[in-house]
Amino acid sequence: MESFSSSGDGKLTVIKETSPTSFAVEQNVTTKPGAKCSTLDSKTGQIYLIMAERGVTNKARAGQDGGRRGGGRGGATVPGSFTILVVGK
């Protein structure tokens, strides 16, 4: 059995069951910042992640966001930037 997780940090973590009581990270896949898990197609093994670009916040404009620009949390969603990322083996 495999499980997956993406918290929007630009990384998809795939976890594999190695025994009934043990799990291990099988791999980390680089995605786009802001992409989060949506669903797994169990027939094809493909994982679908959704995301949209985020605008620059007022804090970012003022240099108070630690250098973060767009992606993940931030300002309003950029129109037309909705994306579905497909990750497969």
PDB file of N, CA and C in Angstrom:
ATOM      1  N   MET A   1       0.829  -1.163   0.000  1.00  0.00           N
ATOM      2  CA  MET A   1       0.000   0.000   0.000  1.00  0.00           C
ATOM      3  C   MET A   1       0.883   1.239   0.000  1.00  0.00           C
ATOM      4  N   GLU A   2       0.445   2.277  -0.723  1.00  0.00           N
ATOM      5  CA  GLU A   2       1.160   3.546  -0.759  1.00  0.00           C
ATOM      6  C   GLU A   2       0.216   4.669  -0.331  1.00  0.00           C
ATOM      7  N   SER A   3       0.804   5.701   0.203  1.00  0.00           N
ATOM      8  CA  SER A   3       0.072   6.891   0.592  1.00  0.00           C
ATOM      9  C   SER A   3       0.855   8.086   0.065  1.00  0.00           C
ATOM     10  N   PHE A   4       0.209   9.224  -0.069  1.00  0.00           N
ATOM     11  CA  PHE A   4       0.910  10.396  -0.559  1.00  0.00           C
ATOM     12  C   PHE A   4       0.423  11.638   0.163  1.00  0.00           C
ATOM     13  N   SER A   5       1.292  12.640   0.188  1.00  0.00           N
ATOM     14  CA  SER A   5       0.962  13.881   0.879  1.00  0.00           C
ATOM     15  C   SER A   5       1.678  15.046   0.213  1.00  0.00           C
ATOM     16  N   SER A   6       0.981  16.155   0.065  1.00  0.00           N
ATOM     17  CA  SER A   6       1.565  17.390  -0.429  1.00  0.00           C
ATOM     18  C   SER A   6       0.911  18.537   0.320  1.00  0.00           C
ATOM     19  N   SER A   7       1.713  19.333   1.003  1.00  0.00           N
ATOM     20  CA  SER A   7       1.152  20.420   1.801  1.00  0.00           C
ATOM     21  C   SER A   7       1.303  21.773   1.138  1.00  0.00           C
ATOM     22  N   GLY A   8       1.627  21.783  -0.129  1.00  0.00           N
ATOM     23  CA  GLY A   8       1.744  23.040  -0.845  1.00  0.00           C
ATOM     24  C   GLY A   8       3.139  23.629  -0.830  1.00  0.00           C
ATOM     25  N   ASP A   9       4.124  22.879  -0.310  1.00  0.00           N
ATOM     26  CA  ASP A   9       5.489  23.393  -0.211  1.00  0.00           C
ATOM     27  C   ASP A   9       6.347  23.063  -1.431  1.00  0.00           C
ATOM     28  N   GLY A  10       5.728  22.516  -2.479  1.00  0.00           N
ATOM     29  CA  GLY A  10       6.490  22.167  -3.679  1.00  0.00           C
ATOM     30  C   GLY A  10       7.088  20.779  -3.634  1.00  0.00           C
ATOM     31  N   LYS A  11       6.574  19.937  -2.731  1.00  0.00           N
ATOM     32  CA  LYS A  11       7.093  18.575  -2.611  1.00  0.00           C
ATOM     33  C   LYS A  11       5.933  17.611  -2.380  1.00  0.00           C
ATOM     34  N   LEU A  12       5.904  16.530  -3.139  1.00  0.00           N
ATOM     35  CA  LEU A  12       4.942  15.448  -2.961  1.00  0.00           C
ATOM     36  C   LEU A  12       5.706  14.292  -2.329  1.00  0.00           C
ATOM     37  N   THR A  13       5.253  13.828  -1.169  1.00  0.00           N
ATOM     38  CA  THR A  13       5.902  12.726  -0.472  1.00  0.00           C
ATOM     39  C   THR A  13       5.082  11.464  -0.674  1.00  0.00           C
ATOM     40  N   VAL A  14       5.737  10.404  -1.157  1.00  0.00           N
ATOM     41  CA  VAL A  14       5.090   9.109  -1.358  1.00  0.00           C
ATOM     42  C   VAL A  14       5.604   8.170  -0.274  1.00  0.00           C
ATOM     43  N   ILE A  15       4.686   7.579   0.479  1.00  0.00           N
ATOM     44  CA  ILE A  15       5.027   6.688   1.586  1.00  0.00           C
ATOM     45  C   ILE A  15       4.550   5.287   1.257  1.00  0.00           C
ATOM     46  N   LYS A  16       5.400   4.307   1.510  1.00  0.00           N
ATOM     47  CA  LYS A  16       5.076   2.914   1.194  1.00  0.00           C
ATOM     48  C   LYS A  16       5.024   2.095   2.472  1.00  0.00           C
ATOM     49  N   GLU A  17       4.046   1.198   2.533  1.00  0.00           N
ATOM     50  CA  GLU A  17       3.935   0.277   3.660  1.00  0.00           C
ATOM     51  C   GLU A  17       4.947  -0.850   3.444  1.00  0.00           C
ATOM     52  N   THR A  18       5.885  -0.997   4.385  1.00  0.00           N
ATOM     53  CA  THR A  18       6.909  -2.033   4.256  1.00  0.00           C
ATOM     54  C   THR A  18       6.549  -3.295   5.024  1.00  0.00           C
ATOM     55  N   SER A  19       5.641  -3.173   5.992  1.00  0.00           N
ATOM     56  CA  SER A  19       5.089  -4.303   6.739  1.00  0.00           C
ATOM     57  C   SER A  19       3.782  -3.808   7.355  1.00  0.00           C
ATOM     58  N   PRO A  20       2.997  -4.687   7.957  1.00  0.00           N
ATOM     59  CA  PRO A  20       1.726  -4.236   8.532  1.00  0.00           C
ATOM     60  C   PRO A  20       1.860  -3.135   9.592  1.00  0.00           C
ATOM     61  N   THR A  21       3.038  -2.981  10.161  1.00  0.00           N
ATOM     62  CA  THR A  21       3.221  -1.959  11.199  1.00  0.00           C
ATOM     63  C   THR A  21       4.349  -0.980  10.888  1.00  0.00           C
ATOM     64  N   SER A  22       4.834  -0.974   9.647  1.00  0.00           N
ATOM     65  CA  SER A  22       5.974  -0.131   9.312  1.00  0.00           C
ATOM     66  C   SER A  22       5.773   0.570   7.973  1.00  0.00           C
ATOM     67  N   PHE A  23       6.161   1.832   7.945  1.00  0.00           N
ATOM     68  CA  PHE A  23       6.040   2.631   6.730  1.00  0.00           C
ATOM     69  C   PHE A  23       7.350   3.367   6.496  1.00  0.00           C
ATOM     70  N   ALA A  24       7.659   3.671   5.231  1.00  0.00           N
ATOM     71  CA  ALA A  24       8.891   4.382   4.896  1.00  0.00           C
ATOM     72  C   ALA A  24       8.622   5.315   3.720  1.00  0.00           C
ATOM     73  N   VAL A  25       9.350   6.420   3.691  1.00  0.00           N
ATOM     74  CA  VAL A  25       9.246   7.335   2.559  1.00  0.00           C
ATOM     75  C   VAL A  25       9.846   6.643   1.343  1.00  0.00           C
ATOM     76  N   GLU A  26       9.041   6.477   0.316  1.00  0.00           N
ATOM     77  CA  GLU A  26       9.519   5.852  -0.922  1.00  0.00           C
ATOM     78  C   GLU A  26      10.242   6.874  -1.794  1.00  0.00           C
ATOM     79  N   GLN A  27       9.672   8.085  -1.867  1.00  0.00           N
ATOM     80  CA  GLN A  27      10.328   9.141  -2.623  1.00  0.00           C
ATOM     81  C   GLN A  27       9.681  10.489  -2.346  1.00  0.00           C
ATOM     82  N   ASN A  28      10.444  11.540  -2.635  1.00  0.00           N
ATOM     83  CA  ASN A  28       9.937  12.904  -2.608  1.00  0.00           C
ATOM     84  C   ASN A  28      10.015  13.422  -4.037  1.00  0.00           C
ATOM     85  N   VAL A  29       8.915  13.940  -4.537  1.00  0.00           N
ATOM     86  CA  VAL A  29       8.830  14.438  -5.910  1.00  0.00           C
ATOM     87  C   VAL A  29       8.678  15.952  -5.852  1.00  0.00           C
ATOM     88  N   THR A  30       9.524  16.667  -6.582  1.00  0.00           N
ATOM     89  CA  THR A  30       9.410  18.118  -6.644  1.00  0.00           C
ATOM     90  C   THR A  30       8.236  18.484  -7.542  1.00  0.00           C
ATOM     91  N   THR A  31       7.348  19.327  -7.003  1.00  0.00           N
ATOM     92  CA  THR A  31       6.203  19.824  -7.768  1.00  0.00           C
ATOM     93  C   THR A  31       6.317  21.345  -7.814  1.00  0.00           C
ATOM     94  N   LYS A  32       5.218  22.014  -8.015  1.00  0.00           N
ATOM     95  CA  LYS A  32       5.213  23.477  -7.962  1.00  0.00           C
ATOM     96  C   LYS A  32       4.732  23.927  -6.590  1.00  0.00           C
ATOM     97  N   PRO A  33       5.321  24.981  -6.035  1.00  0.00           N
ATOM     98  CA  PRO A  33       4.820  25.497  -4.762  1.00  0.00           C
ATOM     99  C   PRO A  33       3.338  25.850  -4.878  1.00  0.00           C
ATOM    100  N   GLY A  34       2.575  25.447  -3.887  1.00  0.00           N
ATOM    101  CA  GLY A  34       1.135  25.701  -3.891  1.00  0.00           C
ATOM    102  C   GLY A  34       0.318  24.498  -4.327  1.00  0.00           C
ATOM    103  N   ALA A  35       0.957  23.487  -4.956  1.00  0.00           N
ATOM    104  CA  ALA A  35       0.231  22.301  -5.406  1.00  0.00           C
ATOM    105  C   ALA A  35      -0.140  21.435  -4.211  1.00  0.00           C
ATOM    106  N   LYS A  36      -1.392  21.022  -4.170  1.00  0.00           N
ATOM    107  CA  LYS A  36      -1.868  20.176  -3.076  1.00  0.00           C
ATOM    108  C   LYS A  36      -2.538  18.936  -3.643  1.00  0.00           C
ATOM    109  N   CYS A  37      -2.567  17.877  -2.846  1.00  0.00           N
ATOM    110  CA  CYS A  37      -3.142  16.620  -3.304  1.00  0.00           C
ATOM    111  C   CYS A  37      -4.623  16.768  -3.597  1.00  0.00           C
ATOM    112  N   SER A  38      -5.036  16.112  -4.605  1.00  0.00           N
ATOM    113  CA  SER A  38      -6.438  16.104  -4.956  1.00  0.00           C
ATOM    114  C   SER A  38      -6.950  14.671  -4.981  1.00  0.00           C
ATOM    115  N   THR A  39      -6.358  13.833  -5.817  1.00  0.00           N
ATOM    116  CA  THR A  39      -6.847  12.463  -5.924  1.00  0.00           C
ATOM    117  C   THR A  39      -5.806  11.545  -6.549  1.00  0.00           C
ATOM    118  N   LEU A  40      -6.008  10.257  -6.353  1.00  0.00           N
ATOM    119  CA  LEU A  40      -5.171   9.217  -6.938  1.00  0.00           C
ATOM    120  C   LEU A  40      -6.033   8.391  -7.873  1.00  0.00           C
ATOM    121  N   ASP A  41      -5.558   8.183  -9.088  1.00  0.00           N
ATOM    122  CA  ASP A  41      -6.217   7.269 -10.012  1.00  0.00           C
ATOM    123  C   ASP A  41      -5.591   5.895  -9.774  1.00  0.00           C
ATOM    124  N   SER A  42      -6.299   5.032  -9.053  1.00  0.00           N
ATOM    125  CA  SER A  42      -5.729   3.735  -8.660  1.00  0.00           C
ATOM    126  C   SER A  42      -5.492   2.802  -9.851  1.00  0.00           C
ATOM    127  N   LYS A  43      -6.176   3.020 -10.960  1.00  0.00           N
ATOM    128  CA  LYS A  43      -5.954   2.174 -12.142  1.00  0.00           C
ATOM    129  C   LYS A  43      -4.641   2.503 -12.842  1.00  0.00           C
ATOM    130  N   THR A  44      -4.296   3.799 -12.896  1.00  0.00           N
ATOM    131  CA  THR A  44      -3.076   4.207 -13.595  1.00  0.00           C
ATOM    132  C   THR A  44      -1.927   4.515 -12.644  1.00  0.00           C
ATOM    133  N   GLY A  45      -2.214   4.719 -11.351  1.00  0.00           N
ATOM    134  CA  GLY A  45      -1.198   5.082 -10.382  1.00  0.00           C
ATOM    135  C   GLY A  45      -0.815   6.558 -10.448  1.00  0.00           C
ATOM    136  N   GLN A  46      -1.562   7.345 -11.210  1.00  0.00           N
ATOM    137  CA  GLN A  46      -1.258   8.762 -11.329  1.00  0.00           C
ATOM    138  C   GLN A  46      -1.906   9.556 -10.201  1.00  0.00           C
ATOM    139  N   ILE A  47      -1.168  10.546  -9.706  1.00  0.00           N
ATOM    140  CA  ILE A  47      -1.664  11.433  -8.658  1.00  0.00           C
ATOM    141  C   ILE A  47      -1.941  12.781  -9.308  1.00  0.00           C
ATOM    142  N   TYR A  48      -3.091  13.353  -9.021  1.00  0.00           N
ATOM    143  CA  TYR A  48      -3.485  14.645  -9.563  1.00  0.00           C
ATOM    144  C   TYR A  48      -3.422  15.683  -8.444  1.00  0.00           C
ATOM    145  N   LEU A  49      -2.668  16.749  -8.675  1.00  0.00           N
ATOM    146  CA  LEU A  49      -2.539  17.833  -7.702  1.00  0.00           C
ATOM    147  C   LEU A  49      -3.101  19.106  -8.330  1.00  0.00           C
ATOM    148  N   ILE A  50      -3.755  19.924  -7.517  1.00  0.00           N
ATOM    149  CA  ILE A  50      -4.308  21.168  -8.037  1.00  0.00           C
ATOM    150  C   ILE A  50      -3.531  22.355  -7.475  1.00  0.00           C
ATOM    151  N   MET A  51      -3.475  23.422  -8.255  1.00  0.00           N
ATOM    152  CA  MET A  51      -2.816  24.634  -7.788  1.00  0.00           C
ATOM    153  C   MET A  51      -3.259  25.820  -8.617  1.00  0.00           C
ATOM    154  N   ALA A  52      -2.998  26.978  -8.088  1.00  0.00           N
ATOM    155  CA  ALA A  52      -3.191  28.234  -8.798  1.00  0.00           C
ATOM    156  C   ALA A  52      -2.136  29.203  -8.285  1.00  0.00           C
ATOM    157  N   GLU A  53      -1.642  30.033  -9.159  1.00  0.00           N
ATOM    158  CA  GLU A  53      -0.660  31.036  -8.757  1.00  0.00           C
ATOM    159  C   GLU A  53      -1.336  32.061  -7.851  1.00  0.00           C
ATOM    160  N   ARG A  54      -0.571  32.567  -6.894  1.00  0.00           N
ATOM    161  CA  ARG A  54      -1.080  33.579  -5.972  1.00  0.00           C
ATOM    162  C   ARG A  54      -0.326  34.876  -6.208  1.00  0.00           C
ATOM    163  N   GLY A  55      -1.039  35.976  -6.105  1.00  0.00           N
ATOM    164  CA  GLY A  55      -0.430  37.286  -6.284  1.00  0.00           C
ATOM    165  C   GLY A  55       0.460  37.652  -5.110  1.00  0.00           C
ATOM    166  N   VAL A  56       1.188  38.717  -5.263  1.00  0.00           N
ATOM    167  CA  VAL A  56       2.075  39.210  -4.221  1.00  0.00           C
ATOM    168  C   VAL A  56       1.238  39.952  -3.182  1.00  0.00           C
ATOM    169  N   THR A  57       1.482  39.650  -1.914  1.00  0.00           N
ATOM    170  CA  THR A  57       0.740  40.301  -0.831  1.00  0.00           C
ATOM    171  C   THR A  57       1.329  41.673  -0.520  1.00  0.00           C
ATOM    172  N   ASN A  58       0.602  42.446   0.230  1.00  0.00           N
ATOM    173  CA  ASN A  58       1.111  43.746   0.668  1.00  0.00           C
ATOM    174  C   ASN A  58       2.367  43.568   1.509  1.00  0.00           C
ATOM    175  N   LYS A  59       2.425  42.484   2.328  1.00  0.00           N
ATOM    176  CA  LYS A  59       3.624  42.220   3.132  1.00  0.00           C
ATOM    177  C   LYS A  59       4.824  41.964   2.216  1.00  0.00           C
ATOM    178  N   ALA A  60       4.596  41.238   1.127  1.00  0.00           N
ATOM    179  CA  ALA A  60       5.692  40.949   0.204  1.00  0.00           C
ATOM    180  C   ALA A  60       6.189  42.234  -0.441  1.00  0.00           C
ATOM    181  N   ARG A  61       5.261  43.092  -0.831  1.00  0.00           N
ATOM    182  CA  ARG A  61       5.669  44.359  -1.426  1.00  0.00           C
ATOM    183  C   ARG A  61       6.518  45.178  -0.452  1.00  0.00           C
ATOM    184  N   ALA A  62       6.207  45.079   0.828  1.00  0.00           N
ATOM    185  CA  ALA A  62       6.930  45.838   1.848  1.00  0.00           C
ATOM    186  C   ALA A  62       8.176  45.107   2.333  1.00  0.00           C
ATOM    187  N   GLY A  63       8.451  43.893   1.795  1.00  0.00           N
ATOM    188  CA  GLY A  63       9.626  43.126   2.193  1.00  0.00           C
ATOM    189  C   GLY A  63       9.500  42.471   3.552  1.00  0.00           C
ATOM    190  N   GLN A  64       8.261  42.207   4.000  1.00  0.00           N
ATOM    191  CA  GLN A  64       8.033  41.635   5.324  1.00  0.00           C
ATOM    192  C   GLN A  64       7.602  40.175   5.280  1.00  0.00           C
ATOM    193  N   ASP A  65       7.817  39.510   4.163  1.00  0.00           N
ATOM    194  CA  ASP A  65       7.352  38.125   4.036  1.00  0.00           C
ATOM    195  C   ASP A  65       8.487  37.119   4.000  1.00  0.00           C
ATOM    196  N   GLY A  66       9.682  37.525   4.332  1.00  0.00           N
ATOM    197  CA  GLY A  66      10.815  36.601   4.319  1.00  0.00           C
ATOM    198  C   GLY A  66      11.281  36.248   2.921  1.00  0.00           C
ATOM    199  N   GLY A  67      10.931  37.053   1.929  1.00  0.00           N
ATOM    200  CA  GLY A  67      11.381  36.806   0.560  1.00  0.00           C
ATOM    201  C   GLY A  67      10.460  35.952  -0.275  1.00  0.00           C
ATOM    202  N   ARG A  68       9.340  35.513   0.277  1.00  0.00           N
ATOM    203  CA  ARG A  68       8.419  34.648  -0.456  1.00  0.00           C
ATOM    204  C   ARG A  68       7.642  35.464  -1.488  1.00  0.00           C
ATOM    205  N   ARG A  69       7.521  34.948  -2.694  1.00  0.00           N
ATOM    206  CA  ARG A  69       6.781  35.633  -3.746  1.00  0.00           C
ATOM    207  C   ARG A  69       5.887  34.627  -4.462  1.00  0.00           C
ATOM    208  N   GLY A  70       4.580  34.854  -4.427  1.00  0.00           N
ATOM    209  CA  GLY A  70       3.647  33.986  -5.144  1.00  0.00           C
ATOM    210  C   GLY A  70       3.707  32.552  -4.645  1.00  0.00           C
ATOM    211  N   GLY A  71       2.896  31.646  -5.229  1.00  0.00           N
ATOM    212  CA  GLY A  71       2.867  30.245  -4.834  1.00  0.00           C
ATOM    213  C   GLY A  71       2.438  30.087  -3.392  1.00  0.00           C
ATOM    214  N   GLY A  72       1.942  28.940  -3.016  1.00  0.00           N
ATOM    215  CA  GLY A  72       1.534  28.700  -1.637  1.00  0.00           C
ATOM    216  C   GLY A  72       0.524  29.728  -1.172  1.00  0.00           C
ATOM    217  N   ARG A  73       0.623  30.132   0.088  1.00  0.00           N
ATOM    218  CA  ARG A  73      -0.258  31.166   0.607  1.00  0.00           C
ATOM    219  C   ARG A  73       0.217  32.517   0.106  1.00  0.00           C
ATOM    220  N   GLY A  74      -0.672  33.431   0.003  1.00  0.00           N
ATOM    221  CA  GLY A  74      -0.278  34.757  -0.457  1.00  0.00           C
ATOM    222  C   GLY A  74      -1.491  35.577  -0.787  1.00  0.00           C
ATOM    223  N   GLY A  75      -1.358  36.417  -1.762  1.00  0.00           N
ATOM    224  CA  GLY A  75      -2.434  37.301  -2.176  1.00  0.00           C
ATOM    225  C   GLY A  75      -3.522  36.558  -2.922  1.00  0.00           C
ATOM    226  N   ALA A  76      -4.316  37.321  -3.626  1.00  0.00           N
ATOM    227  CA  ALA A  76      -5.440  36.765  -4.383  1.00  0.00           C
ATOM    228  C   ALA A  76      -4.944  35.834  -5.492  1.00  0.00           C
ATOM    229  N   THR A  77      -5.785  34.890  -5.863  1.00  0.00           N
ATOM    230  CA  THR A  77      -5.469  33.962  -6.950  1.00  0.00           C
ATOM    231  C   THR A  77      -5.342  34.735  -8.265  1.00  0.00           C
ATOM    232  N   VAL A  78      -4.310  34.427  -9.036  1.00  0.00           N
ATOM    233  CA  VAL A  78      -4.090  35.069 -10.323  1.00  0.00           C
ATOM    234  C   VAL A  78      -5.070  34.460 -11.329  1.00  0.00           C
ATOM    235  N   PRO A  79      -5.916  35.288 -11.964  1.00  0.00           N
ATOM    236  CA  PRO A  79      -6.890  34.768 -12.926  1.00  0.00           C
ATOM    237  C   PRO A  79      -6.212  33.957 -14.036  1.00  0.00           C
ATOM    238  N   GLY A  80      -6.832  32.834 -14.397  1.00  0.00           N
ATOM    239  CA  GLY A  80      -6.331  31.993 -15.477  1.00  0.00           C
ATOM    240  C   GLY A  80      -5.141  31.127 -15.116  1.00  0.00           C
ATOM    241  N   SER A  81      -4.777  31.054 -13.828  1.00  0.00           N
ATOM    242  CA  SER A  81      -3.581  30.289 -13.456  1.00  0.00           C
ATOM    243  C   SER A  81      -3.889  28.916 -12.862  1.00  0.00           C
ATOM    244  N   PHE A  82      -5.158  28.519 -12.816  1.00  0.00           N
ATOM    245  CA  PHE A  82      -5.520  27.207 -12.281  1.00  0.00           C
ATOM    246  C   PHE A  82      -4.826  26.126 -13.098  1.00  0.00           C
ATOM    247  N   THR A  83      -4.181  25.177 -12.398  1.00  0.00           N
ATOM    248  CA  THR A  83      -3.404  24.124 -13.066  1.00  0.00           C
ATOM    249  C   THR A  83      -3.648  22.794 -12.372  1.00  0.00           C
ATOM    250  N   ILE A  84      -3.705  21.730 -13.154  1.00  0.00           N
ATOM    251  CA  ILE A  84      -3.730  20.379 -12.623  1.00  0.00           C
ATOM    252  C   ILE A  84      -2.414  19.720 -12.989  1.00  0.00           C
ATOM    253  N   LEU A  85      -1.661  19.316 -11.975  1.00  0.00           N
ATOM    254  CA  LEU A  85      -0.394  18.624 -12.204  1.00  0.00           C
ATOM    255  C   LEU A  85      -0.643  17.121 -12.102  1.00  0.00           C
ATOM    256  N   VAL A  86      -0.094  16.364 -13.033  1.00  0.00           N
ATOM    257  CA  VAL A  86      -0.250  14.907 -13.015  1.00  0.00           C
ATOM    258  C   VAL A  86       1.118  14.290 -12.761  1.00  0.00           C
ATOM    259  N   VAL A  87       1.200  13.481 -11.701  1.00  0.00           N
ATOM    260  CA  VAL A  87       2.453  12.814 -11.335  1.00  0.00           C
ATOM    261  C   VAL A  87       2.226  11.315 -11.458  1.00  0.00           C
ATOM    262  N   GLY A  88       3.102  10.629 -12.158  1.00  0.00           N
ATOM    263  CA  GLY A  88       2.976   9.181 -12.319  1.00  0.00           C
ATOM    264  C   GLY A  88       4.314   8.508 -12.210  1.00  0.00           C
ATOM    265  N   LYS A  89       4.277   7.191 -12.084  1.00  0.00           N
ATOM    266  CA  LYS A  89       5.512   6.411 -11.974  1.00  0.00           C
ATOM    267  C   LYS A  89       6.191   6.318 -13.307  1.00  0.00           C
TER     268      LYS A  89
END
